[in-house]
Protein backbone atom coordinates (compact mmCIF):
# COMPACT_ATOMS: atom_id res chain seq x y z
CA MET A 1 4.58 16.00 19.83
CA THR A 2 1.33 15.08 18.07
CA THR A 3 1.27 14.94 14.28
CA LYS A 4 -1.98 15.28 12.38
CA ILE A 5 -2.19 14.83 8.62
CA SER A 6 -5.45 15.46 6.77
CA THR A 7 -5.99 13.80 3.40
CA LYS A 8 -7.28 17.20 2.22
CA ASN A 9 -3.76 18.64 2.29
CA ALA A 10 -1.54 15.54 2.33
CA ARG A 11 1.24 15.45 -0.26
CA GLU A 12 1.21 13.07 -3.20
CA GLY A 13 4.31 10.90 -3.55
CA ALA A 14 6.32 9.95 -6.61
CA HIS A 15 4.18 6.85 -7.28
CA GLY A 16 0.75 8.43 -6.71
CA GLU A 17 0.52 7.49 -3.02
CA ILE A 18 -0.81 10.01 -0.48
CA GLY A 19 1.60 10.48 2.44
CA LEU A 20 -0.09 10.24 5.82
CA ALA A 21 1.35 10.28 9.36
CA LYS A 22 5.00 9.27 9.63
CA GLY A 23 7.22 8.58 12.60
CA GLU A 24 10.77 7.34 13.04
CA ARG A 25 9.79 3.64 12.89
CA VAL A 26 6.51 3.49 10.95
CA ALA A 27 4.75 5.47 8.20
CA MET A 28 1.26 5.42 6.67
CA ARG A 29 0.22 6.11 3.11
CA MET A 30 -2.96 5.83 1.08
CA TRP A 31 -3.44 4.65 -2.47
CA ARG A 32 -6.59 6.45 -3.63
CA HIS A 33 -8.64 5.54 -6.72
CA GLU A 34 -5.82 3.49 -8.30
CA PRO A 35 -7.01 2.38 -11.75
CA PRO A 36 -6.99 -1.25 -12.86
CA THR A 37 -3.56 -2.46 -13.96
CA ASP A 38 -1.93 -5.64 -15.11
CA ASP A 39 1.53 -4.31 -15.88
CA LYS A 40 3.05 -3.41 -12.49
CA PRO A 41 6.51 -4.90 -12.10
CA SER A 42 7.39 -7.39 -9.39
CA ALA A 43 9.19 -5.79 -6.42
CA SER A 44 11.06 -6.56 -3.24
CA ARG A 45 11.31 -3.86 -0.56
CA PRO A 46 13.52 -3.56 2.54
CA TYR A 47 10.52 -2.70 4.72
CA GLU A 48 7.49 -4.62 6.01
CA THR A 49 4.09 -3.49 4.70
CA VAL A 50 0.65 -4.02 6.21
CA GLY A 51 -2.45 -2.74 4.44
CA TYR A 52 -6.21 -2.45 4.62
CA VAL A 53 -8.59 -2.32 1.63
CA ILE A 54 -11.16 0.47 1.71
CA SER A 55 -12.68 -0.11 -1.73
CA GLY A 56 -12.06 -2.01 -4.95
CA ARG A 57 -10.31 -5.32 -5.58
CA ALA A 58 -6.74 -6.38 -6.26
CA GLU A 59 -4.65 -9.53 -6.44
CA LEU A 60 -1.43 -9.77 -4.48
CA VAL A 61 1.14 -12.39 -5.37
CA ILE A 62 3.83 -13.01 -2.75
CA ASP A 63 6.50 -15.58 -3.52
CA GLY A 64 4.15 -17.35 -5.96
CA GLU A 65 1.04 -17.39 -3.72
CA THR A 66 -1.96 -15.35 -4.97
CA VAL A 67 -4.55 -13.75 -2.69
CA THR A 68 -7.51 -11.58 -3.68
CA LEU A 69 -7.87 -8.37 -1.67
CA GLU A 70 -11.39 -6.95 -1.21
CA PRO A 71 -12.95 -4.25 1.01
CA GLY A 72 -12.37 -5.07 4.67
CA ASP A 73 -9.35 -7.30 3.98
CA SER A 74 -5.93 -6.59 5.43
CA TRP A 75 -2.57 -8.02 4.31
CA LEU A 76 1.10 -8.29 5.14
CA VAL A 77 4.08 -8.23 2.80
CA PRO A 78 7.19 -9.25 4.76
CA ALA A 79 10.36 -7.23 4.27
CA GLY A 80 12.36 -8.61 1.36
CA ALA A 81 9.49 -10.71 -0.08
CA GLU A 82 9.12 -10.70 -3.86
CA HIS A 83 5.58 -9.46 -4.62
CA ILE A 84 3.31 -7.90 -7.24
CA TYR A 85 -0.09 -6.20 -7.11
CA THR A 86 -2.64 -6.41 -9.93
CA ILE A 87 -5.52 -3.98 -9.48
CA LEU A 88 -8.78 -5.54 -10.68
CA GLU A 89 -11.20 -2.68 -9.82
CA GLU A 90 -10.47 0.94 -8.91
CA PHE A 91 -8.63 0.47 -5.60
CA THR A 92 -8.31 2.53 -2.42
CA ALA A 93 -6.24 1.20 0.47
CA VAL A 94 -4.18 2.39 3.43
CA GLU A 95 -0.74 0.91 4.11
CA ALA A 96 1.76 1.18 6.93
CA THR A 97 5.44 0.47 6.39
CA ALA A 98 8.09 -0.27 8.99
CA PRO A 99 10.60 1.17 8.82
CA PRO A 100 9.10 4.07 6.83
CA ALA A 101 9.21 3.62 3.06
CA ALA A 102 11.65 5.98 1.39
């Protein structure tokens, strides 16, 4: 069975993310026009996350290592890794999580 999700009618999640296609083992979501922040709490999730920056800039700190994310960059947050995002400029990115984020 083919699943098609359009961002025009995709549902917004509890944290502002836009839910995209989702299967049993992987799910996609988009963070659209996220405003600059410097107060997001550190987190550790039971799923692996890969992402791709469409626009804007952010810093990602994973286990004490900081990387700057800019348009065209992709990243990986391993399952269980302590991490934090700081959005530097209005940020739009697509992420995939495996298994699907709850």
